[in-house]
Amino acid sequence: MVCRPTSPADETRCAKNIIANAARRAYRRHVTDEDLKIPMARYRDGVREAGGGPTSFEYGLELALRSILVSPNFLFRFEGQPETATPDMPYRITDVELASRLSFFLWSSIPDDELLSVAEKKTLHNPAVLEHQVTRMLADPLSDALASNFAGQWLHIRNVSGFRPSPELLFHFDDNLRQAFESETLLFFGSIVRENRSVLDLLDADYTFLNERLARHYGIAGVYGERFRRVSLPPDSVRRGLLGQGSILTDTSRANRTSPVIRGKWILENIFGTPPPAPPANVPELKEERNPAKVLPMREQMAQHRANPVCASCHAQMDELGFALENFDAIGEWRDVDAAGARIDPTAKLPDGTTFTGPVELRKVLLTHADDFLTTLTENLLTYALGRGLDAADAPAVRQIKRDAAPTNYRFASLVQAIVRSTPFQMWMAQQRAN
Protein backbone atom coordinates (compact mmCIF):
# COMPACT_ATOMS: atom_id res chain seq x y z
CA MET A 1 0.00 0.00 0.00
CA VAL A 2 1.54 3.30 -1.07
CA CYS A 3 -1.19 5.17 0.79
CA ARG A 4 -4.21 4.72 3.05
CA PRO A 5 -7.38 6.76 2.67
CA THR A 6 -7.92 9.28 5.46
CA SER A 7 -11.67 9.47 4.82
CA PRO A 8 -14.31 7.94 2.52
CA ALA A 9 -13.91 10.93 0.24
CA ASP A 10 -10.19 10.17 -0.09
CA GLU A 11 -10.63 6.54 -1.14
CA THR A 12 -10.76 7.07 -4.90
CA ARG A 13 -7.60 9.22 -4.93
CA CYS A 14 -5.73 6.71 -2.80
CA ALA A 15 -7.01 3.77 -4.85
CA LYS A 16 -5.76 5.39 -8.05
CA ASN A 17 -2.29 5.83 -6.53
CA ILE A 18 -2.18 2.20 -5.41
CA ILE A 19 -3.44 0.93 -8.75
CA ALA A 20 -1.05 3.14 -10.73
CA ASN A 21 1.91 1.92 -8.67
CA ALA A 22 0.88 -1.72 -9.11
CA ALA A 23 0.34 -1.27 -12.85
CA ARG A 24 3.73 0.42 -13.24
CA ARG A 25 5.47 -2.56 -11.64
CA ALA A 26 3.35 -5.13 -13.47
CA TYR A 27 3.60 -3.47 -16.89
CA ARG A 28 7.28 -2.64 -16.27
CA ARG A 29 6.97 0.93 -17.52
CA HIS A 30 5.35 4.31 -16.89
CA VAL A 31 1.56 4.03 -17.03
CA THR A 32 -0.85 6.44 -18.69
CA ASP A 33 -4.42 7.39 -17.89
CA GLU A 34 -5.45 5.04 -20.70
CA ASP A 35 -3.70 2.16 -18.91
CA LEU A 36 -5.69 2.92 -15.75
CA LYS A 37 -9.15 3.08 -17.33
CA ILE A 38 -10.02 -0.61 -16.97
CA PRO A 39 -8.45 -1.14 -13.51
CA MET A 40 -10.21 1.95 -12.15
CA ALA A 41 -13.49 0.81 -13.67
CA ARG A 42 -13.08 -2.55 -11.96
CA TYR A 43 -12.28 -0.75 -8.70
CA ARG A 44 -15.54 1.19 -8.92
CA ASP A 45 -17.39 -2.04 -9.74
CA GLY A 46 -15.97 -3.64 -6.61
CA VAL A 47 -16.93 -0.72 -4.39
CA ARG A 48 -20.46 -0.81 -5.79
CA GLU A 49 -20.79 -4.59 -5.43
CA ALA A 50 -19.60 -4.40 -1.82
CA GLY A 51 -22.32 -1.87 -1.09
CA GLY A 52 -19.99 0.84 0.15
CA GLY A 53 -19.30 -1.07 3.38
CA PRO A 54 -16.05 -1.18 5.37
CA THR A 55 -14.53 -3.76 3.00
CA SER A 56 -15.55 -2.05 -0.23
CA PHE A 57 -12.20 -0.25 -0.64
CA GLU A 58 -10.22 -3.50 -0.36
CA TYR A 59 -12.63 -5.40 -2.61
CA GLY A 60 -12.42 -2.70 -5.26
CA LEU A 61 -8.64 -2.90 -5.16
CA GLU A 62 -8.81 -6.68 -5.46
CA LEU A 63 -10.84 -6.48 -8.67
CA ALA A 64 -8.53 -3.79 -10.04
CA LEU A 65 -5.45 -5.89 -9.34
CA ARG A 66 -7.09 -8.89 -10.96
CA SER A 67 -7.60 -6.87 -14.14
CA ILE A 68 -3.94 -5.84 -14.10
CA LEU A 69 -2.76 -9.44 -13.69
CA VAL A 70 -4.80 -10.64 -16.69
CA SER A 71 -3.81 -7.71 -18.88
CA PRO A 72 -1.67 -8.48 -21.96
CA ASN A 73 0.62 -5.71 -20.71
CA PHE A 74 1.51 -7.94 -17.75
CA LEU A 75 1.38 -11.34 -19.42
CA PHE A 76 3.48 -10.42 -22.46
CA ARG A 77 6.67 -8.46 -22.97
CA PHE A 78 6.05 -5.87 -25.66
CA GLU A 79 8.98 -4.21 -27.38
CA GLY A 80 7.99 -1.45 -29.75
CA GLN A 81 9.97 -0.18 -32.70
CA PRO A 82 10.58 3.41 -33.88
CA GLU A 83 8.00 4.82 -36.25
CA THR A 84 10.77 5.62 -38.71
CA ALA A 85 12.19 2.08 -38.67
CA THR A 86 12.10 0.19 -41.95
CA PRO A 87 12.02 -3.63 -42.20
CA ASP A 88 15.31 -5.30 -41.21
CA MET A 89 16.74 -2.06 -39.83
CA PRO A 90 18.53 -2.59 -36.50
CA TYR A 91 17.59 -0.24 -33.68
CA ARG A 92 18.38 0.13 -30.00
CA ILE A 93 15.66 -0.91 -27.57
CA THR A 94 14.50 1.65 -25.00
CA ASP A 95 15.85 1.84 -21.46
CA VAL A 96 12.58 0.48 -20.09
CA GLU A 97 12.71 -2.47 -22.49
CA LEU A 98 16.33 -3.06 -21.53
CA ALA A 99 15.30 -3.14 -17.86
CA SER A 100 12.78 -5.90 -18.59
CA ARG A 101 15.31 -7.91 -20.59
CA LEU A 102 17.76 -7.57 -17.72
CA SER A 103 15.37 -8.52 -14.93
CA PHE A 104 13.95 -11.54 -16.72
CA PHE A 105 17.47 -12.69 -17.60
CA LEU A 106 18.94 -12.38 -14.10
CA TRP A 107 15.86 -12.75 -11.88
CA SER A 108 13.21 -14.44 -14.03
CA SER A 109 10.92 -11.68 -12.77
CA ILE A 110 9.93 -8.06 -13.21
CA PRO A 111 12.26 -5.10 -12.53
CA ASP A 112 12.38 -3.78 -8.98
CA ASP A 113 11.78 -0.10 -8.18
CA GLU A 114 15.45 0.85 -8.45
CA LEU A 115 15.96 -0.70 -11.87
CA LEU A 116 12.68 0.68 -13.19
CA SER A 117 13.44 4.17 -11.85
CA VAL A 118 16.84 4.18 -13.55
CA ALA A 119 15.21 3.05 -16.80
CA GLU A 120 12.51 5.73 -16.60
CA LYS A 121 15.28 8.35 -16.26
CA LYS A 122 16.72 6.97 -19.52
CA THR A 123 20.15 6.36 -18.02
CA LEU A 124 20.25 2.55 -18.06
CA HIS A 125 22.10 2.43 -21.38
CA ASN A 126 24.96 4.34 -19.76
CA PRO A 127 27.72 1.67 -19.53
CA ALA A 128 28.70 2.53 -15.94
CA VAL A 129 25.09 2.59 -14.77
CA LEU A 130 24.32 -0.67 -16.55
CA GLU A 131 27.38 -2.40 -15.08
CA HIS A 132 26.40 -1.24 -11.58
CA GLN A 133 22.86 -2.57 -11.98
CA VAL A 134 24.08 -5.96 -13.22
CA THR A 135 26.48 -6.23 -10.28
CA ARG A 136 23.72 -5.29 -7.84
CA MET A 137 21.26 -7.75 -9.36
CA LEU A 138 23.71 -10.66 -9.36
CA ALA A 139 24.36 -10.01 -5.65
CA ASP A 140 20.64 -10.10 -4.88
CA PRO A 141 19.14 -13.43 -3.71
CA LEU A 142 16.71 -13.15 -6.63
CA SER A 143 19.60 -14.17 -8.89
CA ASP A 144 19.17 -17.70 -7.52
CA ALA A 145 16.52 -17.96 -10.24
CA LEU A 146 19.23 -17.58 -12.89
CA ALA A 147 21.19 -20.47 -11.43
CA SER A 148 18.21 -22.79 -11.04
CA ASN A 149 16.41 -21.97 -14.29
CA PHE A 150 19.43 -21.80 -16.57
CA ALA A 151 21.05 -24.90 -15.09
CA GLY A 152 17.70 -26.69 -15.09
CA GLN A 153 17.24 -26.04 -18.81
CA TRP A 154 20.80 -26.31 -20.11
CA LEU A 155 21.85 -29.33 -18.05
CA HIS A 156 18.38 -30.96 -18.12
CA ILE A 157 18.36 -31.22 -14.31
CA ARG A 158 14.57 -31.23 -14.41
CA ASN A 159 14.66 -34.56 -16.24
CA VAL A 160 15.88 -36.29 -13.08
CA SER A 161 12.43 -35.98 -11.52
CA GLY A 162 11.02 -38.17 -14.30
CA PHE A 163 13.73 -40.86 -14.20
CA ARG A 164 12.25 -44.27 -13.37
CA PRO A 165 15.05 -46.84 -13.06
CA SER A 166 14.38 -50.54 -13.37
CA PRO A 167 13.53 -51.61 -9.78
CA GLU A 168 15.02 -55.09 -10.09
CA LEU A 169 18.40 -53.72 -11.17
CA LEU A 170 18.56 -50.43 -9.28
CA PHE A 171 16.45 -51.22 -6.25
CA HIS A 172 18.26 -48.80 -3.93
CA PHE A 173 17.30 -45.72 -5.95
CA ASP A 174 14.65 -43.67 -4.12
CA ASP A 175 13.18 -40.17 -4.01
CA ASN A 176 15.70 -39.05 -1.40
CA LEU A 177 18.53 -39.87 -3.79
CA ARG A 178 16.68 -38.30 -6.72
CA GLN A 179 16.23 -35.05 -4.80
CA ALA A 180 19.86 -35.17 -3.66
CA PHE A 181 21.02 -35.43 -7.28
CA GLU A 182 19.07 -32.29 -8.19
CA SER A 183 20.17 -30.38 -5.10
CA GLU A 184 23.85 -31.14 -5.64
CA THR A 185 23.94 -29.77 -9.18
CA LEU A 186 21.78 -26.73 -8.43
CA LEU A 187 23.86 -25.84 -5.36
CA PHE A 188 27.04 -26.41 -7.36
CA PHE A 189 25.96 -24.20 -10.26
CA GLY A 190 24.59 -21.64 -7.81
CA SER A 191 28.01 -21.41 -6.16
CA ILE A 192 29.56 -20.56 -9.54
CA VAL A 193 27.07 -17.68 -9.83
CA ARG A 194 27.13 -16.42 -6.23
CA GLU A 195 30.91 -16.68 -5.76
CA ASN A 196 31.62 -15.38 -9.26
CA ARG A 197 33.88 -18.32 -10.03
CA SER A 198 35.35 -19.23 -13.40
CA VAL A 199 32.88 -21.22 -15.46
CA LEU A 200 35.73 -23.64 -16.20
CA ASP A 201 35.16 -24.90 -12.65
CA LEU A 202 32.08 -26.60 -14.04
CA LEU A 203 34.46 -29.13 -15.58
CA ASP A 204 36.91 -29.63 -12.73
CA ALA A 205 35.88 -27.94 -9.47
CA ASP A 206 37.65 -29.11 -6.34
CA TYR A 207 34.41 -29.25 -4.37
CA THR A 208 30.77 -30.27 -4.51
CA PHE A 209 27.72 -30.25 -2.21
CA LEU A 210 26.66 -33.42 -0.40
CA ASN A 211 24.42 -34.69 2.35
CA GLU A 212 24.80 -38.04 4.06
CA ARG A 213 22.58 -39.92 1.59
CA LEU A 214 24.45 -38.69 -1.46
CA ALA A 215 27.89 -39.01 0.14
CA ARG A 216 27.16 -42.64 0.98
CA HIS A 217 26.05 -43.23 -2.62
CA TYR A 218 29.31 -41.69 -3.84
CA GLY A 219 31.44 -43.58 -1.34
CA ILE A 220 32.63 -40.38 0.37
CA ALA A 221 33.09 -40.68 4.13
CA GLY A 222 32.65 -38.12 6.89
CA VAL A 223 29.38 -36.50 5.79
CA TYR A 224 26.42 -36.88 8.16
CA GLY A 225 22.85 -35.59 8.29
CA GLU A 226 20.29 -34.42 5.75
CA ARG A 227 21.73 -30.91 5.37
CA PHE A 228 23.86 -30.27 2.30
CA ARG A 229 27.31 -28.88 2.89
CA ARG A 230 30.34 -28.00 0.76
CA VAL A 231 32.78 -30.91 0.53
CA SER A 232 36.34 -30.63 -0.83
CA LEU A 233 37.44 -33.12 -3.49
CA PRO A 234 41.06 -34.21 -4.10
CA PRO A 235 42.64 -33.87 -7.57
CA ASP A 236 42.10 -37.56 -8.37
CA SER A 237 38.43 -37.64 -7.31
CA VAL A 238 36.06 -39.04 -9.92
CA ARG A 239 33.38 -36.65 -8.60
CA ARG A 240 35.00 -33.39 -9.68
CA GLY A 241 32.95 -31.33 -12.12
CA LEU A 242 29.57 -31.94 -13.71
CA LEU A 243 30.48 -35.31 -15.21
CA GLY A 244 30.91 -36.82 -11.74
CA GLN A 245 27.45 -35.80 -10.56
CA GLY A 246 24.51 -38.16 -10.28
CA SER A 247 22.07 -35.81 -12.01
CA ILE A 248 24.08 -35.85 -15.25
CA LEU A 249 24.98 -39.54 -15.08
CA THR A 250 21.36 -40.54 -14.42
CA ASP A 251 19.91 -38.30 -17.12
CA THR A 252 22.28 -39.91 -19.64
CA SER A 253 21.34 -43.50 -18.78
CA ARG A 254 18.60 -45.94 -19.68
CA ALA A 255 16.20 -47.25 -17.06
CA ASN A 256 18.11 -50.51 -16.67
CA ARG A 257 21.64 -49.78 -17.92
CA THR A 258 24.21 -47.18 -18.78
CA SER A 259 24.37 -45.67 -22.26
CA PRO A 260 27.79 -44.68 -23.62
CA VAL A 261 25.94 -43.28 -26.62
CA ILE A 262 23.79 -40.88 -24.61
CA ARG A 263 26.66 -39.90 -22.34
CA GLY A 264 28.95 -39.31 -25.30
CA LYS A 265 26.24 -37.33 -27.07
CA TRP A 266 25.79 -35.18 -23.94
CA ILE A 267 29.51 -34.35 -23.96
CA LEU A 268 29.48 -33.52 -27.67
CA GLU A 269 26.46 -31.24 -27.24
CA ASN A 270 27.23 -29.52 -23.93
CA ILE A 271 31.02 -29.37 -23.88
CA PHE A 272 32.28 -29.55 -27.46
CA GLY A 273 29.22 -27.84 -28.92
CA THR A 274 29.10 -30.31 -31.82
CA PRO A 275 25.89 -32.34 -31.50
CA PRO A 276 25.85 -35.41 -33.74
CA PRO A 277 23.26 -35.72 -36.50
CA ALA A 278 20.08 -37.65 -35.86
CA PRO A 279 20.46 -41.42 -36.33
CA PRO A 280 19.05 -43.04 -39.48
CA ALA A 281 15.40 -43.94 -39.11
CA ASN A 282 15.92 -47.63 -39.89
CA VAL A 283 18.50 -48.37 -37.17
CA PRO A 284 16.92 -50.48 -34.41
CA GLU A 285 17.50 -49.88 -30.70
CA LEU A 286 19.71 -52.30 -28.82
CA LYS A 287 17.79 -55.27 -27.49
CA GLU A 288 17.19 -54.72 -23.79
CA GLU A 289 18.10 -57.81 -21.76
CA ARG A 290 16.34 -57.89 -18.39
CA ASN A 291 18.41 -60.78 -17.03
CA PRO A 292 21.72 -59.31 -15.75
CA ALA A 293 23.51 -62.64 -16.25
CA LYS A 294 22.80 -62.49 -19.98
CA VAL A 295 23.78 -58.87 -20.55
CA LEU A 296 26.67 -58.53 -23.02
CA PRO A 297 29.58 -56.26 -22.07
CA MET A 298 28.76 -52.71 -23.19
CA ARG A 299 31.56 -52.65 -25.78
CA GLU A 300 30.10 -55.73 -27.47
CA GLN A 301 26.66 -54.14 -27.51
CA MET A 302 28.02 -50.93 -29.04
CA ALA A 303 29.90 -52.95 -31.66
CA GLN A 304 26.52 -53.86 -33.13
CA HIS A 305 25.95 -50.21 -34.03
CA ARG A 306 29.49 -49.67 -35.26
CA ALA A 307 29.07 -52.59 -37.64
CA ASN A 308 26.66 -50.39 -39.62
CA PRO A 309 28.81 -48.10 -41.82
CA VAL A 310 26.15 -45.38 -41.67
CA CYS A 311 26.44 -45.29 -37.86
CA ALA A 312 30.16 -45.93 -37.45
CA SER A 313 31.49 -42.38 -37.87
CA CYS A 314 29.30 -40.83 -35.16
CA HIS A 315 29.57 -43.77 -32.77
CA ALA A 316 33.36 -43.81 -33.06
CA GLN A 317 33.42 -40.53 -31.14
CA MET A 318 30.27 -40.75 -28.99
CA ASP A 319 30.87 -44.27 -27.73
CA GLU A 320 34.49 -43.62 -26.78
CA LEU A 321 33.59 -40.58 -24.69
CA GLY A 322 30.87 -42.62 -23.01
CA PHE A 323 33.11 -45.62 -22.37
CA ALA A 324 35.31 -43.47 -20.12
CA LEU A 325 32.29 -43.07 -17.82
CA GLU A 326 31.35 -46.76 -17.72
CA ASN A 327 32.53 -47.14 -14.12
CA PHE A 328 29.46 -45.10 -13.19
CA ASP A 329 26.32 -47.23 -13.31
CA ALA A 330 22.92 -45.98 -14.47
CA ILE A 331 22.40 -44.01 -11.24
CA GLY A 332 25.95 -42.74 -10.94
CA GLU A 333 27.27 -45.25 -8.42
CA TRP A 334 30.87 -46.36 -8.88
CA ARG A 335 31.43 -49.96 -9.96
CA ASP A 336 34.36 -52.06 -11.11
CA VAL A 337 32.27 -54.83 -12.73
CA ASP A 338 29.08 -54.65 -14.78
CA ALA A 339 25.73 -56.34 -14.10
CA ALA A 340 26.96 -59.59 -15.65
CA GLY A 341 30.11 -59.63 -13.50
CA ALA A 342 32.49 -58.61 -16.30
CA ARG A 343 35.22 -56.14 -15.38
CA ILE A 344 34.61 -52.60 -16.65
CA ASP A 345 36.98 -51.39 -19.37
CA PRO A 346 36.94 -47.55 -19.27
CA THR A 347 39.70 -47.04 -21.85
CA ALA A 348 38.90 -44.83 -24.82
CA LYS A 349 40.46 -43.47 -28.00
CA LEU A 350 39.21 -40.51 -29.99
CA PRO A 351 39.40 -40.32 -33.81
CA ASP A 352 42.39 -37.94 -33.51
CA GLY A 353 44.34 -40.64 -31.67
CA THR A 354 43.94 -39.22 -28.15
CA THR A 355 43.75 -42.03 -25.60
CA PHE A 356 42.53 -41.84 -22.01
CA THR A 357 41.14 -44.06 -19.27
CA GLY A 358 38.27 -43.29 -16.93
CA PRO A 359 36.62 -40.06 -15.80
CA VAL A 360 39.72 -38.40 -14.33
CA GLU A 361 41.66 -38.61 -17.60
CA LEU A 362 38.53 -37.72 -19.56
CA ARG A 363 38.32 -34.52 -17.52
CA LYS A 364 41.89 -33.66 -18.50
CA VAL A 365 41.05 -34.22 -22.16
CA LEU A 366 38.00 -31.96 -21.90
CA LEU A 367 40.06 -29.20 -20.31
CA THR A 368 42.29 -29.20 -23.39
CA HIS A 369 39.12 -28.28 -25.29
CA ALA A 370 38.22 -25.47 -22.87
CA ASP A 371 37.67 -23.00 -25.71
CA ASP A 372 34.99 -25.25 -27.22
CA PHE A 373 33.29 -25.48 -23.84
CA LEU A 374 33.44 -21.70 -23.36
CA THR A 375 31.83 -21.18 -26.76
CA THR A 376 29.10 -23.70 -25.98
CA LEU A 377 28.35 -22.21 -22.57
CA THR A 378 28.34 -18.67 -23.95
CA GLU A 379 25.93 -19.66 -26.72
CA ASN A 380 23.60 -21.32 -24.25
CA LEU A 381 23.71 -18.43 -21.79
CA LEU A 382 23.10 -15.91 -24.57
CA THR A 383 20.19 -18.01 -25.84
CA TYR A 384 18.73 -18.00 -22.34
CA ALA A 385 19.23 -14.23 -22.01
CA LEU A 386 17.57 -13.46 -25.35
CA GLY A 387 14.79 -16.04 -25.13
CA ARG A 388 15.48 -17.16 -28.69
CA GLY A 389 17.78 -19.45 -30.59
CA LEU A 390 20.99 -18.15 -32.11
CA ASP A 391 21.94 -18.09 -35.78
CA ALA A 392 25.05 -17.33 -37.79
CA ALA A 393 24.56 -13.58 -37.37
CA ASP A 394 25.10 -13.96 -33.62
CA ALA A 395 28.52 -15.61 -33.98
CA PRO A 396 30.51 -12.32 -33.84
CA ALA A 397 28.73 -11.40 -30.60
CA VAL A 398 29.58 -14.78 -29.07
CA ARG A 399 33.25 -14.29 -29.93
CA GLN A 400 33.23 -10.76 -28.48
CA ILE A 401 31.60 -11.95 -25.24
CA LYS A 402 34.35 -14.55 -24.83
CA ARG A 403 37.07 -11.97 -25.52
CA ASP A 404 35.58 -9.58 -22.96
CA ALA A 405 35.44 -12.31 -20.30
CA ALA A 406 38.94 -13.68 -20.94
CA PRO A 407 40.86 -11.22 -18.68
CA THR A 408 38.99 -12.57 -15.62
CA ASN A 409 39.53 -16.21 -16.64
CA TYR A 410 35.87 -16.36 -17.60
CA ARG A 411 34.32 -15.60 -14.25
CA PHE A 412 30.55 -15.90 -14.40
CA ALA A 413 29.81 -12.21 -13.79
CA SER A 414 32.16 -11.17 -16.59
CA LEU A 415 30.24 -13.37 -19.03
CA VAL A 416 26.95 -11.87 -17.87
CA GLN A 417 28.27 -8.31 -18.12
CA ALA A 418 29.55 -9.01 -21.64
CA ILE A 419 26.21 -10.50 -22.68
CA VAL A 420 24.31 -7.49 -21.36
CA ARG A 421 26.63 -5.16 -23.30
CA SER A 422 26.30 -7.19 -26.48
CA THR A 423 24.55 -6.05 -29.63
CA PRO A 424 21.94 -8.86 -29.60
CA PHE A 425 20.94 -7.97 -26.02
CA GLN A 426 20.64 -4.21 -26.60
CA MET A 427 19.42 -4.12 -30.18
CA TRP A 428 16.55 -5.51 -32.21
CA MET A 429 15.62 -5.79 -35.86
CA ALA A 430 12.63 -3.88 -37.22
CA GLN A 431 9.81 -6.02 -38.54
CA GLN A 432 7.36 -5.47 -41.38
CA ARG A 433 4.42 -3.50 -39.98
CA ALA A 434 0.95 -4.93 -40.39
CA ASN A 435 -1.51 -2.92 -42.45
Foldseek 3Di string as FASTA:
>chain_A
DVDDAPDPVRLLVVLLVVLQVLLCQQLQAHDDVVNCPVLSVQLVVQLVVVPVDPCSSVRSSVRSVVCSCPDCSRVDQDWDDDPPADFQDKDFTALSSLQQLLCCLQQVGTHDPVSSVCRNVRCCLPLVNVLVVLVVSLQDPSSLCNLLVLCCPLLVLVCLVVQAADCVQPVPDDPLLSVQLSVFRSVVSNCLSNVLNAPLQLLFPQKIKGAPVVCVLAVHPDHYDSDIDIDGHDLPRLLGHDLLGQSNLQVQQHRYKHDLLSNLQSCCCQQQVHHDDDADPPDDDQDDDPDLLPDDAPVVSLVVQCVDVSRVVSCLRSNQLSLLARLQINRNGGHQAGSNRHGRFSWGAHPVGDIDHHSSRSSVVSVVVNVSNLLSVLQSSLCSSLVHHDDPVCVVLSVQLCVQCVVVNRGPSSSVSSSSSTCSSGMDGDRDDDD
